Amino acid sequence: MFRDTLKELRASHKLSQQRLADQLGLAQSSVNQYEHGMSEPDITTLKKLADIFDTSVDYLTGHTKCK
């Protein structure tokens, strides 16, 4: 669920995995792993993602459908 939401948000904001990783201060491989369900971000990274995409951590993690 998280991985699909992340992919959709990244695509809708026209961000490459590398550009998003740069904004998060991570390697591109970390974003790739998130999107393929091989790894999950920590709470600090989730908060950064929510800020970047102007949404909530609850939306990112699938606890609500309201952005």
C-alpha atoms as a PDB file:
ATOM      1  CA  MET A   1       0.000   0.000   0.000  1.00  0.00           C
ATOM      2  CA  PHE A   2       2.672   2.527   1.019  1.00  0.00           C
ATOM      3  CA  ARG A   3       4.779   1.661  -2.005  1.00  0.00           C
ATOM      4  CA  ASP A   4       1.893   2.305  -4.414  1.00  0.00           C
ATOM      5  CA  THR A   5       1.042   5.611  -2.754  1.00  0.00           C
ATOM      6  CA  LEU A   6       4.669   6.693  -2.895  1.00  0.00           C
ATOM      7  CA  LYS A   7       4.947   5.824  -6.590  1.00  0.00           C
ATOM      8  CA  GLU A   8       1.736   7.700  -7.412  1.00  0.00           C
ATOM      9  CA  LEU A   9       2.721  10.798  -5.458  1.00  0.00           C
ATOM     10  CA  ARG A  10       6.218  10.850  -6.922  1.00  0.00           C
ATOM     11  CA  ALA A  11       4.866  10.512 -10.449  1.00  0.00           C
ATOM     12  CA  SER A  12       2.187  13.178  -9.938  1.00  0.00           C
ATOM     13  CA  HIS A  13       4.872  15.590  -8.708  1.00  0.00           C
ATOM     14  CA  LYS A  14       7.073  14.650 -11.683  1.00  0.00           C
ATOM     15  CA  LEU A  15       9.967  13.646  -9.452  1.00  0.00           C
ATOM     16  CA  SER A  16      12.520  11.021 -10.367  1.00  0.00           C
ATOM     17  CA  GLN A  17      13.617   8.597  -7.695  1.00  0.00           C
ATOM     18  CA  GLN A  18      16.972  10.382  -7.639  1.00  0.00           C
ATOM     19  CA  ARG A  19      15.445  13.831  -7.181  1.00  0.00           C
ATOM     20  CA  LEU A  20      13.210  12.599  -4.353  1.00  0.00           C
ATOM     21  CA  ALA A  21      16.161  10.839  -2.742  1.00  0.00           C
ATOM     22  CA  ASP A  22      18.156  14.083  -2.927  1.00  0.00           C
ATOM     23  CA  GLN A  23      15.345  15.960  -1.167  1.00  0.00           C
ATOM     24  CA  LEU A  24      15.251  13.285   1.527  1.00  0.00           C
ATOM     25  CA  GLY A  25      19.024  13.119   1.917  1.00  0.00           C
ATOM     26  CA  LEU A  26      19.029   9.441   0.923  1.00  0.00           C
ATOM     27  CA  ALA A  27      20.453   7.271  -1.809  1.00  0.00           C
ATOM     28  CA  GLN A  28      18.266   6.629  -4.867  1.00  0.00           C
ATOM     29  CA  SER A  29      18.408   2.932  -4.002  1.00  0.00           C
ATOM     30  CA  SER A  30      16.490   3.654  -0.776  1.00  0.00           C
ATOM     31  CA  VAL A  31      13.581   5.189  -2.682  1.00  0.00           C
ATOM     32  CA  ASN A  32      13.679   2.256  -5.099  1.00  0.00           C
ATOM     33  CA  GLN A  33      13.514  -0.178  -2.196  1.00  0.00           C
ATOM     34  CA  TYR A  34      10.537   1.684  -0.696  1.00  0.00           C
ATOM     35  CA  GLU A  35       8.696   1.535  -4.022  1.00  0.00           C
ATOM     36  CA  HIS A  36       9.357  -2.174  -4.428  1.00  0.00           C
ATOM     37  CA  GLY A  37       8.375  -3.100  -0.877  1.00  0.00           C
ATOM     38  CA  MET A  38      11.880  -4.275   0.036  1.00  0.00           C
ATOM     39  CA  SER A  39      12.279  -1.676   2.783  1.00  0.00           C
ATOM     40  CA  GLU A  40      10.167   0.805   4.717  1.00  0.00           C
ATOM     41  CA  PRO A  41      11.125   4.334   5.733  1.00  0.00           C
ATOM     42  CA  ASP A  42      11.608   5.332   9.342  1.00  0.00           C
ATOM     43  CA  ILE A  43       9.296   7.883  10.963  1.00  0.00           C
ATOM     44  CA  THR A  44      11.644  10.792  10.220  1.00  0.00           C
ATOM     45  CA  THR A  45      11.639   9.936   6.525  1.00  0.00           C
ATOM     46  CA  LEU A  46       7.864   9.495   6.548  1.00  0.00           C
ATOM     47  CA  LYS A  47       7.495  12.997   7.987  1.00  0.00           C
ATOM     48  CA  LYS A  48       9.794  14.401   5.292  1.00  0.00           C
ATOM     49  CA  LEU A  49       7.783  12.629   2.598  1.00  0.00           C
ATOM     50  CA  ALA A  50       4.550  14.037   4.021  1.00  0.00           C
ATOM     51  CA  ASP A  51       6.050  17.539   3.902  1.00  0.00           C
ATOM     52  CA  ILE A  52       7.363  17.122   0.355  1.00  0.00           C
ATOM     53  CA  PHE A  53       4.010  15.874  -0.932  1.00  0.00           C
ATOM     54  CA  ASP A  54       1.914  18.155   1.299  1.00  0.00           C
ATOM     55  CA  THR A  55       0.004  15.254   2.799  1.00  0.00           C
ATOM     56  CA  SER A  56      -0.152  13.356   6.082  1.00  0.00           C
ATOM     57  CA  VAL A  57       1.801  10.385   7.335  1.00  0.00           C
ATOM     58  CA  ASP A  58      -1.579   8.660   7.772  1.00  0.00           C
ATOM     59  CA  TYR A  59      -2.274   9.080   4.053  1.00  0.00           C
ATOM     60  CA  LEU A  60       1.164   7.780   3.115  1.00  0.00           C
ATOM     61  CA  THR A  61       0.747   4.680   5.273  1.00  0.00           C
ATOM     62  CA  GLY A  62      -2.816   3.982   4.161  1.00  0.00           C
ATOM     63  CA  HIS A  63      -4.582   4.853   7.410  1.00  0.00           C
ATOM     64  CA  THR A  64      -6.760   7.397   5.654  1.00  0.00           C
ATOM     65  CA  LYS A  65      -7.813   8.156   2.116  1.00  0.00           C
ATOM     66  CA  CYS A  66      -7.886  11.903   2.779  1.00  0.00           C
ATOM     67  CA  LYS A  67      -4.743  13.603   1.556  1.00  0.00           C
END
